[in-house]
Amino acid sequence: IKRNGNLRYTIRPIREAIEIFHARQLSAVERAAE
């Protein structure tokens, strides 16, 4: 029987996470300005 397993977590490299974080902050600032 096929069942749901646990989530598989992947730790992203910190530099990649920082780029994503800054991109999201920038888009939030742009939306607020609009």
ModelCIF file with pLDDT and N, C-alpha, C, O atoms, coordinates in Angstrom:
data_MODEL
#
_entry.id   MODEL 
#
_entity.id                         1 
_entity.type                       polymer 
_entity.pdbx_number_of_molecules   1 
#
_entity_poly.entity_id                      1 
_entity_poly.type                           'polypeptide(L)' 
_entity_poly.nstd_linkage                   no 
_entity_poly.nstd_monomer                   no 
_entity_poly.pdbx_seq_one_letter_code       IKRNGNLRYTIRPIREAIEIFHARQLSAVERAAE 
_entity_poly.pdbx_seq_one_letter_code_can   IKRNGNLRYTIRPIREAIEIFHARQLSAVERAAE 
_entity_poly.pdbx_strand_id                 A 
#
loop_
_entity_poly_seq.entity_id 
_entity_poly_seq.num 
_entity_poly_seq.mon_id 
_entity_poly_seq.hetero 
1 1  ILE n 
1 2  LYS n 
1 3  ARG n 
1 4  ASN n 
1 5  GLY n 
1 6  ASN n 
1 7  LEU n 
1 8  ARG n 
1 9  TYR n 
1 10 THR n 
1 11 ILE n 
1 12 ARG n 
1 13 PRO n 
1 14 ILE n 
1 15 ARG n 
1 16 GLU n 
1 17 ALA n 
1 18 ILE n 
1 19 GLU n 
1 20 ILE n 
1 21 PHE n 
1 22 HIS n 
1 23 ALA n 
1 24 ARG n 
1 25 GLN n 
1 26 LEU n 
1 27 SER n 
1 28 ALA n 
1 29 VAL n 
1 30 GLU n 
1 31 ARG n 
1 32 ALA n 
1 33 ALA n 
1 34 GLU n 
#
_struct_asym.id          A 
_struct_asym.entity_id   1 
#
loop_
_ma_qa_metric.id 
_ma_qa_metric.mode 
_ma_qa_metric.name 
_ma_qa_metric.software_group_id 
_ma_qa_metric.type 
1 global pLDDT . pLDDT 
2 local  pLDDT . pLDDT 
#
_ma_qa_metric_global.metric_id      1 
_ma_qa_metric_global.metric_value   83.47 
_ma_qa_metric_global.model_id       1 
_ma_qa_metric_global.ordinal_id     1 
#
loop_
_ma_qa_metric_local.label_asym_id 
_ma_qa_metric_local.label_comp_id 
_ma_qa_metric_local.label_seq_id 
_ma_qa_metric_local.metric_id 
_ma_qa_metric_local.metric_value 
_ma_qa_metric_local.model_id 
_ma_qa_metric_local.ordinal_id 
A ILE 1  2 86.00 1 1  
A LYS 2  2 85.00 1 2  
A ARG 3  2 82.00 1 3  
A ASN 4  2 84.00 1 4  
A GLY 5  2 80.00 1 5  
A ASN 6  2 84.00 1 6  
A LEU 7  2 90.00 1 7  
A ARG 8  2 94.00 1 8  
A TYR 9  2 96.00 1 9  
A THR 10 2 95.00 1 10 
A ILE 11 2 93.00 1 11 
A ARG 12 2 91.00 1 12 
A PRO 13 2 88.00 1 13 
A ILE 14 2 88.00 1 14 
A ARG 15 2 89.00 1 15 
A GLU 16 2 88.00 1 16 
A ALA 17 2 87.00 1 17 
A ILE 18 2 88.00 1 18 
A GLU 19 2 87.00 1 19 
A ILE 20 2 81.00 1 20 
A PHE 21 2 80.00 1 21 
A HIS 22 2 80.00 1 22 
A ALA 23 2 83.00 1 23 
A ARG 24 2 79.00 1 24 
A GLN 25 2 78.00 1 25 
A LEU 26 2 78.00 1 26 
A SER 27 2 78.00 1 27 
A ALA 28 2 73.00 1 28 
A VAL 29 2 74.00 1 29 
A GLU 30 2 78.00 1 30 
A ARG 31 2 76.00 1 31 
A ALA 32 2 75.00 1 32 
A ALA 33 2 75.00 1 33 
A GLU 34 2 75.00 1 34 
#
loop_
_atom_site.group_PDB 
_atom_site.id 
_atom_site.type_symbol 
_atom_site.label_atom_id 
_atom_site.label_alt_id 
_atom_site.label_comp_id 
_atom_site.label_asym_id 
_atom_site.label_entity_id 
_atom_site.label_seq_id 
_atom_site.pdbx_PDB_ins_code 
_atom_site.Cartn_x 
_atom_site.Cartn_y 
_atom_site.Cartn_z 
_atom_site.occupancy 
_atom_site.B_iso_or_equiv 
_atom_site.pdbx_formal_charge 
_atom_site.auth_seq_id 
_atom_site.auth_comp_id 
_atom_site.auth_asym_id 
_atom_site.auth_atom_id 
_atom_site.pdbx_PDB_model_num 
ATOM 1   N N  . ILE A 1 1  ? 0.850  -1.190 0.000  1.00 86.00 ? 1  ILE A N  1 
ATOM 2   C CA . ILE A 1 1  ? 0.000  0.000  0.000  1.00 86.00 ? 1  ILE A CA 1 
ATOM 3   C C  . ILE A 1 1  ? 0.884  1.236  0.000  1.00 86.00 ? 1  ILE A C  1 
ATOM 4   O O  . ILE A 1 1  ? 1.824  1.343  0.787  1.00 86.00 ? 1  ILE A O  1 
ATOM 5   N N  . LYS A 1 2  ? 0.570  2.169  -0.892 1.00 85.00 ? 2  LYS A N  1 
ATOM 6   C CA . LYS A 1 2  ? 1.334  3.411  -0.989 1.00 85.00 ? 2  LYS A CA 1 
ATOM 7   C C  . LYS A 1 2  ? 0.788  4.412  0.033  1.00 85.00 ? 2  LYS A C  1 
ATOM 8   O O  . LYS A 1 2  ? -0.416 4.661  0.084  1.00 85.00 ? 2  LYS A O  1 
ATOM 9   N N  . ARG A 1 3  ? 1.682  4.981  0.844  1.00 82.00 ? 3  ARG A N  1 
ATOM 10  C CA . ARG A 1 3  ? 1.310  5.954  1.877  1.00 82.00 ? 3  ARG A CA 1 
ATOM 11  C C  . ARG A 1 3  ? 2.177  7.201  1.764  1.00 82.00 ? 3  ARG A C  1 
ATOM 12  O O  . ARG A 1 3  ? 3.227  7.194  1.122  1.00 82.00 ? 3  ARG A O  1 
ATOM 13  N N  . ASN A 1 4  ? 1.715  8.263  2.398  1.00 84.00 ? 4  ASN A N  1 
ATOM 14  C CA . ASN A 1 4  ? 2.526  9.473  2.474  1.00 84.00 ? 4  ASN A CA 1 
ATOM 15  C C  . ASN A 1 4  ? 3.698  9.229  3.412  1.00 84.00 ? 4  ASN A C  1 
ATOM 16  O O  . ASN A 1 4  ? 3.534  8.642  4.481  1.00 84.00 ? 4  ASN A O  1 
ATOM 17  N N  . GLY A 1 5  ? 4.874  9.678  3.011  1.00 80.00 ? 5  GLY A N  1 
ATOM 18  C CA . GLY A 1 5  ? 6.054  9.572  3.867  1.00 80.00 ? 5  GLY A CA 1 
ATOM 19  C C  . GLY A 1 5  ? 6.320  10.896 4.549  1.00 80.00 ? 5  GLY A C  1 
ATOM 20  O O  . GLY A 1 5  ? 5.474  11.790 4.542  1.00 80.00 ? 5  GLY A O  1 
ATOM 21  N N  . ASN A 1 6  ? 7.485  11.019 5.131  1.00 84.00 ? 6  ASN A N  1 
ATOM 22  C CA . ASN A 1 6  ? 7.899  12.277 5.743  1.00 84.00 ? 6  ASN A CA 1 
ATOM 23  C C  . ASN A 1 6  ? 8.282  13.274 4.654  1.00 84.00 ? 6  ASN A C  1 
ATOM 24  O O  . ASN A 1 6  ? 8.562  12.895 3.517  1.00 84.00 ? 6  ASN A O  1 
ATOM 25  N N  . LEU A 1 7  ? 8.290  14.534 5.015  1.00 90.00 ? 7  LEU A N  1 
ATOM 26  C CA . LEU A 1 7  ? 8.817  15.537 4.097  1.00 90.00 ? 7  LEU A CA 1 
ATOM 27  C C  . LEU A 1 7  ? 10.319 15.353 3.971  1.00 90.00 ? 7  LEU A C  1 
ATOM 28  O O  . LEU A 1 7  ? 10.989 14.986 4.936  1.00 90.00 ? 7  LEU A O  1 
ATOM 29  N N  . ARG A 1 8  ? 10.845 15.606 2.784  1.00 94.00 ? 8  ARG A N  1 
ATOM 30  C CA . ARG A 1 8  ? 12.298 15.628 2.589  1.00 94.00 ? 8  ARG A CA 1 
ATOM 31  C C  . ARG A 1 8  ? 12.699 17.089 2.604  1.00 94.00 ? 8  ARG A C  1 
ATOM 32  O O  . ARG A 1 8  ? 12.211 17.885 1.802  1.00 94.00 ? 8  ARG A O  1 
ATOM 33  N N  . TYR A 1 9  ? 13.581 17.433 3.508  1.00 96.00 ? 9  TYR A N  1 
ATOM 34  C CA . TYR A 1 9  ? 14.052 18.804 3.659  1.00 96.00 ? 9  TYR A CA 1 
ATOM 35  C C  . TYR A 1 9  ? 15.406 18.934 2.987  1.00 96.00 ? 9  TYR A C  1 
ATOM 36  O O  . TYR A 1 9  ? 16.279 18.082 3.153  1.00 96.00 ? 9  TYR A O  1 
ATOM 37  N N  . THR A 1 10 ? 15.572 20.006 2.230  1.00 95.00 ? 10 THR A N  1 
ATOM 38  C CA . THR A 1 10 ? 16.866 20.309 1.624  1.00 95.00 ? 10 THR A CA 1 
ATOM 39  C C  . THR A 1 10 ? 17.303 21.671 2.144  1.00 95.00 ? 10 THR A C  1 
ATOM 40  O O  . THR A 1 10 ? 16.604 22.671 1.981  1.00 95.00 ? 10 THR A O  1 
ATOM 41  N N  . ILE A 1 11 ? 18.471 21.687 2.770  1.00 93.00 ? 11 ILE A N  1 
ATOM 42  C CA . ILE A 1 11 ? 19.031 22.941 3.275  1.00 93.00 ? 11 ILE A CA 1 
ATOM 43  C C  . ILE A 1 11 ? 19.666 23.662 2.090  1.00 93.00 ? 11 ILE A C  1 
ATOM 44  O O  . ILE A 1 11 ? 20.582 23.145 1.450  1.00 93.00 ? 11 ILE A O  1 
ATOM 45  N N  . ARG A 1 12 ? 19.169 24.852 1.812  1.00 91.00 ? 12 ARG A N  1 
ATOM 46  C CA . ARG A 1 12 ? 19.734 25.625 0.702  1.00 91.00 ? 12 ARG A CA 1 
ATOM 47  C C  . ARG A 1 12 ? 21.028 26.305 1.150  1.00 91.00 ? 12 ARG A C  1 
ATOM 48  O O  . ARG A 1 12 ? 21.174 26.653 2.322  1.00 91.00 ? 12 ARG A O  1 
ATOM 49  N N  . PRO A 1 13 ? 21.964 26.495 0.222  1.00 88.00 ? 13 PRO A N  1 
ATOM 50  C CA . PRO A 1 13 ? 23.173 27.255 0.567  1.00 88.00 ? 13 PRO A CA 1 
ATOM 51  C C  . PRO A 1 13 ? 22.773 28.657 1.036  1.00 88.00 ? 13 PRO A C  1 
ATOM 52  O O  . PRO A 1 13 ? 21.859 29.264 0.479  1.00 88.00 ? 13 PRO A O  1 
ATOM 53  N N  . ILE A 1 14 ? 23.446 29.155 2.039  1.00 88.00 ? 14 ILE A N  1 
ATOM 54  C CA . ILE A 1 14 ? 23.062 30.417 2.673  1.00 88.00 ? 14 ILE A CA 1 
ATOM 55  C C  . ILE A 1 14 ? 23.103 31.575 1.676  1.00 88.00 ? 14 ILE A C  1 
ATOM 56  O O  . ILE A 1 14 ? 22.260 32.469 1.746  1.00 88.00 ? 14 ILE A O  1 
ATOM 57  N N  . ARG A 1 15 ? 24.051 31.576 0.763  1.00 89.00 ? 15 ARG A N  1 
ATOM 58  C CA . ARG A 1 15 ? 24.137 32.653 -0.241 1.00 89.00 ? 15 ARG A CA 1 
ATOM 59  C C  . ARG A 1 15 ? 22.886 32.667 -1.125 1.00 89.00 ? 15 ARG A C  1 
ATOM 60  O O  . ARG A 1 15 ? 22.346 33.731 -1.431 1.00 89.00 ? 15 ARG A O  1 
ATOM 61  N N  . GLU A 1 16 ? 22.438 31.496 -1.526 1.00 88.00 ? 16 GLU A N  1 
ATOM 62  C CA . GLU A 1 16 ? 21.223 31.388 -2.341 1.00 88.00 ? 16 GLU A CA 1 
ATOM 63  C C  . GLU A 1 16 ? 20.012 31.892 -1.554 1.00 88.00 ? 16 GLU A C  1 
ATOM 64  O O  . GLU A 1 16 ? 19.166 32.599 -2.100 1.00 88.00 ? 16 GLU A O  1 
ATOM 65  N N  . ALA A 1 17 ? 19.931 31.532 -0.287 1.00 87.00 ? 17 ALA A N  1 
ATOM 66  C CA . ALA A 1 17 ? 18.820 31.971 0.560  1.00 87.00 ? 17 ALA A CA 1 
ATOM 67  C C  . ALA A 1 17 ? 18.824 33.485 0.738  1.00 87.00 ? 17 ALA A C  1 
ATOM 68  O O  . ALA A 1 17 ? 17.766 34.114 0.748  1.00 87.00 ? 17 ALA A O  1 
ATOM 69  N N  . ILE A 1 18 ? 20.010 34.068 0.878  1.00 88.00 ? 18 ILE A N  1 
ATOM 70  C CA . ILE A 1 18 ? 20.114 35.526 1.023  1.00 88.00 ? 18 ILE A CA 1 
ATOM 71  C C  . ILE A 1 18 ? 19.643 36.226 -0.248 1.00 88.00 ? 18 ILE A C  1 
ATOM 72  O O  . ILE A 1 18 ? 18.954 37.243 -0.173 1.00 88.00 ? 18 ILE A O  1 
ATOM 73  N N  . GLU A 1 19 ? 20.005 35.692 -1.412 1.00 87.00 ? 19 GLU A N  1 
ATOM 74  C CA . GLU A 1 19 ? 19.552 36.281 -2.680 1.00 87.00 ? 19 GLU A CA 1 
ATOM 75  C C  . GLU A 1 19 ? 18.036 36.227 -2.794 1.00 87.00 ? 19 GLU A C  1 
ATOM 76  O O  . GLU A 1 19 ? 17.411 37.202 -3.211 1.00 87.00 ? 19 GLU A O  1 
ATOM 77  N N  . ILE A 1 20 ? 17.441 35.100 -2.428 1.00 81.00 ? 20 ILE A N  1 
ATOM 78  C CA . ILE A 1 20 ? 15.978 34.966 -2.452 1.00 81.00 ? 20 ILE A CA 1 
ATOM 79  C C  . ILE A 1 20 ? 15.350 35.958 -1.479 1.00 81.00 ? 20 ILE A C  1 
ATOM 80  O O  . ILE A 1 20 ? 14.357 36.609 -1.805 1.00 81.00 ? 20 ILE A O  1 
ATOM 81  N N  . PHE A 1 21 ? 15.925 36.071 -0.293 1.00 80.00 ? 21 PHE A N  1 
ATOM 82  C CA . PHE A 1 21 ? 15.416 36.977 0.737  1.00 80.00 ? 21 PHE A CA 1 
ATOM 83  C C  . PHE A 1 21 ? 15.442 38.428 0.253  1.00 80.00 ? 21 PHE A C  1 
ATOM 84  O O  . PHE A 1 21 ? 14.458 39.153 0.401  1.00 80.00 ? 21 PHE A O  1 
ATOM 85  N N  . HIS A 1 22 ? 16.567 38.847 -0.324 1.00 80.00 ? 22 HIS A N  1 
ATOM 86  C CA . HIS A 1 22 ? 16.682 40.225 -0.806 1.00 80.00 ? 22 HIS A CA 1 
ATOM 87  C C  . HIS A 1 22 ? 15.748 40.484 -1.989 1.00 80.00 ? 22 HIS A C  1 
ATOM 88  O O  . HIS A 1 22 ? 15.178 41.569 -2.101 1.00 80.00 ? 22 HIS A O  1 
ATOM 89  N N  . ALA A 1 23 ? 15.588 39.510 -2.859 1.00 83.00 ? 23 ALA A N  1 
ATOM 90  C CA . ALA A 1 23 ? 14.669 39.664 -3.999 1.00 83.00 ? 23 ALA A CA 1 
ATOM 91  C C  . ALA A 1 23 ? 13.239 39.842 -3.503 1.00 83.00 ? 23 ALA A C  1 
ATOM 92  O O  . ALA A 1 23 ? 12.494 40.663 -4.037 1.00 83.00 ? 23 ALA A O  1 
ATOM 93  N N  . ARG A 1 24 ? 12.855 39.080 -2.490 1.00 79.00 ? 24 ARG A N  1 
ATOM 94  C CA . ARG A 1 24 ? 11.494 39.203 -1.946 1.00 79.00 ? 24 ARG A CA 1 
ATOM 95  C C  . ARG A 1 24 ? 11.306 40.542 -1.246 1.00 79.00 ? 24 ARG A C  1 
ATOM 96  O O  . ARG A 1 24 ? 10.245 41.156 -1.357 1.00 79.00 ? 24 ARG A O  1 
ATOM 97  N N  . GLN A 1 25 ? 12.327 41.000 -0.527 1.00 78.00 ? 25 GLN A N  1 
ATOM 98  C CA . GLN A 1 25 ? 12.231 42.305 0.129  1.00 78.00 ? 25 GLN A CA 1 
ATOM 99  C C  . GLN A 1 25 ? 12.095 43.412 -0.897 1.00 78.00 ? 25 GLN A C  1 
ATOM 100 O O  . GLN A 1 25 ? 11.302 44.337 -0.722 1.00 78.00 ? 25 GLN A O  1 
ATOM 101 N N  . LEU A 1 26 ? 12.872 43.319 -1.971 1.00 78.00 ? 26 LEU A N  1 
ATOM 102 C CA . LEU A 1 26 ? 12.837 44.329 -3.013 1.00 78.00 ? 26 LEU A CA 1 
ATOM 103 C C  . LEU A 1 26 ? 11.470 44.366 -3.685 1.00 78.00 ? 26 LEU A C  1 
ATOM 104 O O  . LEU A 1 26 ? 10.927 45.443 -3.929 1.00 78.00 ? 26 LEU A O  1 
ATOM 105 N N  . SER A 1 27 ? 10.910 43.195 -3.984 1.00 78.00 ? 27 SER A N  1 
ATOM 106 C CA . SER A 1 27 ? 9.595  43.173 -4.635 1.00 78.00 ? 27 SER A CA 1 
ATOM 107 C C  . SER A 1 27 ? 8.517  43.697 -3.693 1.00 78.00 ? 27 SER A C  1 
ATOM 108 O O  . SER A 1 27 ? 7.558  44.320 -4.148 1.00 78.00 ? 27 SER A O  1 
ATOM 109 N N  . ALA A 1 28 ? 8.655  43.456 -2.394 1.00 73.00 ? 28 ALA A N  1 
ATOM 110 C CA . ALA A 1 28 ? 7.682  43.980 -1.432 1.00 73.00 ? 28 ALA A CA 1 
ATOM 111 C C  . ALA A 1 28 ? 7.753  45.502 -1.379 1.00 73.00 ? 28 ALA A C  1 
ATOM 112 O O  . ALA A 1 28 ? 6.723  46.170 -1.293 1.00 73.00 ? 28 ALA A O  1 
ATOM 113 N N  . VAL A 1 29 ? 8.964  46.051 -1.428 1.00 74.00 ? 29 VAL A N  1 
ATOM 114 C CA . VAL A 1 29 ? 9.142  47.506 -1.434 1.00 74.00 ? 29 VAL A CA 1 
ATOM 115 C C  . VAL A 1 29 ? 8.550  48.093 -2.710 1.00 74.00 ? 29 VAL A C  1 
ATOM 116 O O  . VAL A 1 29 ? 7.892  49.132 -2.665 1.00 74.00 ? 29 VAL A O  1 
ATOM 117 N N  . GLU A 1 30 ? 8.776  47.441 -3.842 1.00 78.00 ? 30 GLU A N  1 
ATOM 118 C CA . GLU A 1 30 ? 8.221  47.916 -5.117 1.00 78.00 ? 30 GLU A CA 1 
ATOM 119 C C  . GLU A 1 30 ? 6.699  47.893 -5.095 1.00 78.00 ? 30 GLU A C  1 
ATOM 120 O O  . GLU A 1 30 ? 6.059  48.822 -5.587 1.00 78.00 ? 30 GLU A O  1 
ATOM 121 N N  . ARG A 1 31 ? 6.103  46.824 -4.520 1.00 76.00 ? 31 ARG A N  1 
ATOM 122 C CA . ARG A 1 31 ? 4.637  46.744 -4.429 1.00 76.00 ? 31 ARG A CA 1 
ATOM 123 C C  . ARG A 1 31 ? 4.094  47.859 -3.547 1.00 76.00 ? 31 ARG A C  1 
ATOM 124 O O  . ARG A 1 31 ? 3.060  48.449 -3.858 1.00 76.00 ? 31 ARG A O  1 
ATOM 125 N N  . ALA A 1 32 ? 4.782  48.151 -2.450 1.00 75.00 ? 32 ALA A N  1 
ATOM 126 C CA . ALA A 1 32 ? 4.339  49.222 -1.553 1.00 75.00 ? 32 ALA A CA 1 
ATOM 127 C C  . ALA A 1 32 ? 4.418  50.580 -2.257 1.00 75.00 ? 32 ALA A C  1 
ATOM 128 O O  . ALA A 1 32 ? 3.540  51.426 -2.090 1.00 75.00 ? 32 ALA A O  1 
ATOM 129 N N  . ALA A 1 33 ? 5.475  50.778 -3.043 1.00 75.00 ? 33 ALA A N  1 
ATOM 130 C CA . ALA A 1 33 ? 5.622  52.039 -3.792 1.00 75.00 ? 33 ALA A CA 1 
ATOM 131 C C  . ALA A 1 33 ? 4.502  52.170 -4.825 1.00 75.00 ? 33 ALA A C  1 
ATOM 132 O O  . ALA A 1 33 ? 3.960  53.261 -5.007 1.00 75.00 ? 33 ALA A O  1 
ATOM 133 N N  . GLU A 1 34 ? 4.151  51.086 -5.498 1.00 75.00 ? 34 GLU A N  1 
ATOM 134 C CA . GLU A 1 34 ? 3.053  51.112 -6.467 1.00 75.00 ? 34 GLU A CA 1 
ATOM 135 C C  . GLU A 1 34 ? 1.739  51.463 -5.813 1.00 75.00 ? 34 GLU A C  1 
ATOM 136 O O  . GLU A 1 34 ? 0.711  51.528 -6.487 1.00 75.00 ? 34 GLU A O  1 
#
